[in-house]
Amino acid sequence: LQPGEVAVVGRPTTDENYASTGMVQYVAVMRRTDAQIAFGAENDREGTVQDPNYFVVNLLCTHRGKAIGITGNPDAPFACTDRRSRHGSIYNAVGFGVAGASDKEYLSIPDYTLTVDGDQVVINLA
């Protein structure tokens, strides 16, 4: 991953919280830009980031459990895929809701371990 790029992995789950995503848990791994690293240093939640160069987050909206998509906006890289007027949640680079129905709520962070070995990034989900 280059700075600013996001990879998404999905795995089947039996957790009913993922019913609206087809019982698939989608997890994003974002390699942070220098600006996102600096923003994270000031705003990351305690204990949620294992490597400041990478942000790992569940792509499940806190409002109604809809899927979260990738926006391409480095300041607000995540947004709910349900864009109707009562939804439309947008999240910043630390997963904090900055607009929409999930304003001031955080996306959840999966239980994970992250290993970086040269150009290879490996995420293990619990």
C-alpha atoms as a PDB file:
ATOM      1  CA  LEU A   1       0.000   0.000   0.000  1.00  0.00           C
ATOM      2  CA  GLN A   2       1.149   3.498  -0.801  1.00  0.00           C
ATOM      3  CA  PRO A   3       0.367   6.355   1.610  1.00  0.00           C
ATOM      4  CA  GLY A   4      -3.317   7.208   1.284  1.00  0.00           C
ATOM      5  CA  GLU A   5      -4.313   3.833  -0.157  1.00  0.00           C
ATOM      6  CA  VAL A   6      -6.817   1.490   1.457  1.00  0.00           C
ATOM      7  CA  ALA A   7      -7.157  -2.286   1.169  1.00  0.00           C
ATOM      8  CA  VAL A   8     -10.385  -3.988   2.179  1.00  0.00           C
ATOM      9  CA  VAL A   9     -10.660  -7.569   3.337  1.00  0.00           C
ATOM     10  CA  GLY A  10     -13.853  -9.464   3.996  1.00  0.00           C
ATOM     11  CA  ARG A  11     -14.608 -12.644   5.864  1.00  0.00           C
ATOM     12  CA  PRO A  12     -17.828 -14.529   6.578  1.00  0.00           C
ATOM     13  CA  THR A  13     -19.289 -14.065  10.028  1.00  0.00           C
ATOM     14  CA  THR A  14     -22.212 -15.327  12.073  1.00  0.00           C
ATOM     15  CA  ASP A  15     -22.453 -12.007  13.948  1.00  0.00           C
ATOM     16  CA  GLU A  16     -25.960 -10.625  13.320  1.00  0.00           C
ATOM     17  CA  ASN A  17     -24.567  -7.062  13.417  1.00  0.00           C
ATOM     18  CA  TYR A  18     -23.395  -7.772   9.863  1.00  0.00           C
ATOM     19  CA  ALA A  19     -26.810  -8.814   8.494  1.00  0.00           C
ATOM     20  CA  SER A  20     -27.017  -5.787   6.181  1.00  0.00           C
ATOM     21  CA  THR A  21     -23.591  -6.590   4.677  1.00  0.00           C
ATOM     22  CA  GLY A  22     -24.582 -10.147   3.758  1.00  0.00           C
ATOM     23  CA  MET A  23     -23.008 -11.609   6.916  1.00  0.00           C
ATOM     24  CA  VAL A  24     -19.566 -10.466   5.795  1.00  0.00           C
ATOM     25  CA  GLN A  25     -17.265  -8.500   8.089  1.00  0.00           C
ATOM     26  CA  TYR A  26     -15.399  -5.957   5.964  1.00  0.00           C
ATOM     27  CA  VAL A  27     -12.221  -4.494   7.426  1.00  0.00           C
ATOM     28  CA  ALA A  28     -10.191  -1.635   5.956  1.00  0.00           C
ATOM     29  CA  VAL A  29      -6.446  -1.244   6.300  1.00  0.00           C
ATOM     30  CA  MET A  30      -5.443   2.313   5.400  1.00  0.00           C
ATOM     31  CA  ARG A  31      -1.824   3.288   4.995  1.00  0.00           C
ATOM     32  CA  ARG A  32      -1.756   6.784   6.366  1.00  0.00           C
ATOM     33  CA  THR A  33      -0.271   9.824   4.696  1.00  0.00           C
ATOM     34  CA  ASP A  34       2.077  12.042   6.710  1.00  0.00           C
ATOM     35  CA  ALA A  35      -0.859  14.379   7.446  1.00  0.00           C
ATOM     36  CA  GLN A  36      -3.019  11.448   8.605  1.00  0.00           C
ATOM     37  CA  ILE A  37      -0.190  10.170  10.827  1.00  0.00           C
ATOM     38  CA  ALA A  38       0.067  13.612  12.452  1.00  0.00           C
ATOM     39  CA  PHE A  39      -3.735  13.813  12.823  1.00  0.00           C
ATOM     40  CA  GLY A  40      -3.773  10.312  14.330  1.00  0.00           C
ATOM     41  CA  ALA A  41      -1.052  11.224  16.823  1.00  0.00           C
ATOM     42  CA  GLU A  42      -3.425  13.829  18.243  1.00  0.00           C
ATOM     43  CA  ASN A  43      -6.742  11.999  17.783  1.00  0.00           C
ATOM     44  CA  ASP A  44      -6.344   8.191  17.793  1.00  0.00           C
ATOM     45  CA  ARG A  45      -8.249   6.390  20.526  1.00  0.00           C
ATOM     46  CA  GLU A  46      -6.010   4.906  23.185  1.00  0.00           C
ATOM     47  CA  GLY A  47      -5.008   1.341  22.403  1.00  0.00           C
ATOM     48  CA  THR A  48      -6.633   1.061  18.959  1.00  0.00           C
ATOM     49  CA  VAL A  49      -3.675   1.686  16.639  1.00  0.00           C
ATOM     50  CA  GLN A  50      -0.777  -0.778  16.663  1.00  0.00           C
ATOM     51  CA  ASP A  51       1.327   1.054  14.058  1.00  0.00           C
ATOM     52  CA  PRO A  52       0.777   4.797  13.450  1.00  0.00           C
ATOM     53  CA  ASN A  53       1.419   4.269   9.728  1.00  0.00           C
ATOM     54  CA  TYR A  54      -1.716   2.109   9.411  1.00  0.00           C
ATOM     55  CA  PHE A  55      -5.327   2.505  10.501  1.00  0.00           C
ATOM     56  CA  VAL A  56      -7.479  -0.639  10.763  1.00  0.00           C
ATOM     57  CA  VAL A  57     -11.255  -0.315  11.102  1.00  0.00           C
ATOM     58  CA  ASN A  58     -14.502  -2.267  10.667  1.00  0.00           C
ATOM     59  CA  LEU A  59     -16.511  -0.955   7.719  1.00  0.00           C
ATOM     60  CA  LEU A  60     -19.880  -1.036   9.493  1.00  0.00           C
ATOM     61  CA  CYS A  61     -21.857   2.174  10.025  1.00  0.00           C
ATOM     62  CA  THR A  62     -22.714   2.925  13.633  1.00  0.00           C
ATOM     63  CA  HIS A  63     -26.135   4.295  12.655  1.00  0.00           C
ATOM     64  CA  ARG A  64     -27.903   1.303  11.092  1.00  0.00           C
ATOM     65  CA  GLY A  65     -25.164  -1.230  10.421  1.00  0.00           C
ATOM     66  CA  LYS A  66     -24.886  -0.470   6.712  1.00  0.00           C
ATOM     67  CA  ALA A  67     -21.671  -0.946   4.789  1.00  0.00           C
ATOM     68  CA  ILE A  68     -19.046   1.794   4.858  1.00  0.00           C
ATOM     69  CA  GLY A  69     -17.327   2.771   1.626  1.00  0.00           C
ATOM     70  CA  ILE A  70     -14.043   4.448   0.814  1.00  0.00           C
ATOM     71  CA  THR A  71     -14.394   8.089  -0.320  1.00  0.00           C
ATOM     72  CA  GLY A  72     -10.931   8.985  -1.602  1.00  0.00           C
ATOM     73  CA  ASN A  73     -10.975  12.103   0.600  1.00  0.00           C
ATOM     74  CA  PRO A  74      -7.932  11.939   2.918  1.00  0.00           C
ATOM     75  CA  ASP A  75      -9.654  14.069   5.579  1.00  0.00           C
ATOM     76  CA  ALA A  76     -12.837  11.967   5.579  1.00  0.00           C
ATOM     77  CA  PRO A  77     -11.934   8.638   3.961  1.00  0.00           C
ATOM     78  CA  PHE A  78     -14.960   6.615   5.099  1.00  0.00           C
ATOM     79  CA  ALA A  79     -18.692   7.115   4.432  1.00  0.00           C
ATOM     80  CA  CYS A  80     -21.868   5.106   4.804  1.00  0.00           C
ATOM     81  CA  THR A  81     -23.044   3.630   1.515  1.00  0.00           C
ATOM     82  CA  ASP A  82     -26.648   4.530   2.432  1.00  0.00           C
ATOM     83  CA  ARG A  83     -26.658   8.145   1.225  1.00  0.00           C
ATOM     84  CA  ARG A  84     -30.331   8.942   1.914  1.00  0.00           C
ATOM     85  CA  SER A  85     -31.077  12.151   3.807  1.00  0.00           C
ATOM     86  CA  ARG A  86     -31.449  10.528   7.253  1.00  0.00           C
ATOM     87  CA  HIS A  87     -28.239   8.545   6.889  1.00  0.00           C
ATOM     88  CA  GLY A  88     -25.115   9.742   5.065  1.00  0.00           C
ATOM     89  CA  SER A  89     -22.592   9.286   7.864  1.00  0.00           C
ATOM     90  CA  ILE A  90     -19.044  10.449   7.092  1.00  0.00           C
ATOM     91  CA  TYR A  91     -16.002   9.492   9.184  1.00  0.00           C
ATOM     92  CA  ASN A  92     -12.577  11.099   9.443  1.00  0.00           C
ATOM     93  CA  ALA A  93      -9.160   9.412   9.287  1.00  0.00           C
ATOM     94  CA  VAL A  94      -9.448   8.061  12.860  1.00  0.00           C
ATOM     95  CA  GLY A  95     -12.962   6.661  12.291  1.00  0.00           C
ATOM     96  CA  PHE A  96     -14.790   9.489  14.100  1.00  0.00           C
ATOM     97  CA  GLY A  97     -18.167  10.547  12.680  1.00  0.00           C
ATOM     98  CA  VAL A  98     -17.988  14.121  11.378  1.00  0.00           C
ATOM     99  CA  ALA A  99     -21.331  14.309   9.535  1.00  0.00           C
ATOM    100  CA  GLY A 100     -24.613  12.482   9.129  1.00  0.00           C
ATOM    101  CA  ALA A 101     -26.533  10.244  11.498  1.00  0.00           C
ATOM    102  CA  SER A 102     -23.347   8.931  13.148  1.00  0.00           C
ATOM    103  CA  ASP A 103     -21.924  12.349  13.965  1.00  0.00           C
ATOM    104  CA  LYS A 104     -19.617  12.115  17.013  1.00  0.00           C
ATOM    105  CA  GLU A 105     -19.572   8.287  17.029  1.00  0.00           C
ATOM    106  CA  TYR A 106     -16.568   6.094  16.280  1.00  0.00           C
ATOM    107  CA  LEU A 107     -16.413   3.205  13.851  1.00  0.00           C
ATOM    108  CA  SER A 108     -15.495   0.002  15.652  1.00  0.00           C
ATOM    109  CA  ILE A 109     -11.989  -1.393  15.613  1.00  0.00           C
ATOM    110  CA  PRO A 110     -11.631  -5.158  15.113  1.00  0.00           C
ATOM    111  CA  ASP A 111      -9.452  -7.340  17.294  1.00  0.00           C
ATOM    112  CA  TYR A 112      -6.359  -7.642  15.143  1.00  0.00           C
ATOM    113  CA  THR A 113      -2.616  -7.870  14.953  1.00  0.00           C
ATOM    114  CA  LEU A 114      -0.667  -6.056  12.270  1.00  0.00           C
ATOM    115  CA  THR A 115       2.772  -7.098  11.092  1.00  0.00           C
ATOM    116  CA  VAL A 116       4.851  -5.098   8.621  1.00  0.00           C
ATOM    117  CA  ASP A 117       7.825  -6.834   7.038  1.00  0.00           C
ATOM    118  CA  GLY A 118       9.411  -4.715   4.318  1.00  0.00           C
ATOM    119  CA  ASP A 119       6.764  -4.223   1.635  1.00  0.00           C
ATOM    120  CA  GLN A 120       4.428  -6.837   3.111  1.00  0.00           C
ATOM    121  CA  VAL A 121       1.618  -5.928   5.516  1.00  0.00           C
ATOM    122  CA  VAL A 122      -0.166  -8.817   7.224  1.00  0.00           C
ATOM    123  CA  ILE A 123      -3.318  -8.389   9.265  1.00  0.00           C
ATOM    124  CA  ASN A 124      -4.593 -11.206  11.458  1.00  0.00           C
ATOM    125  CA  LEU A 125      -8.163 -10.851  12.659  1.00  0.00           C
ATOM    126  CA  ALA A 126      -9.155 -12.517  15.936  1.00  0.00           C
END
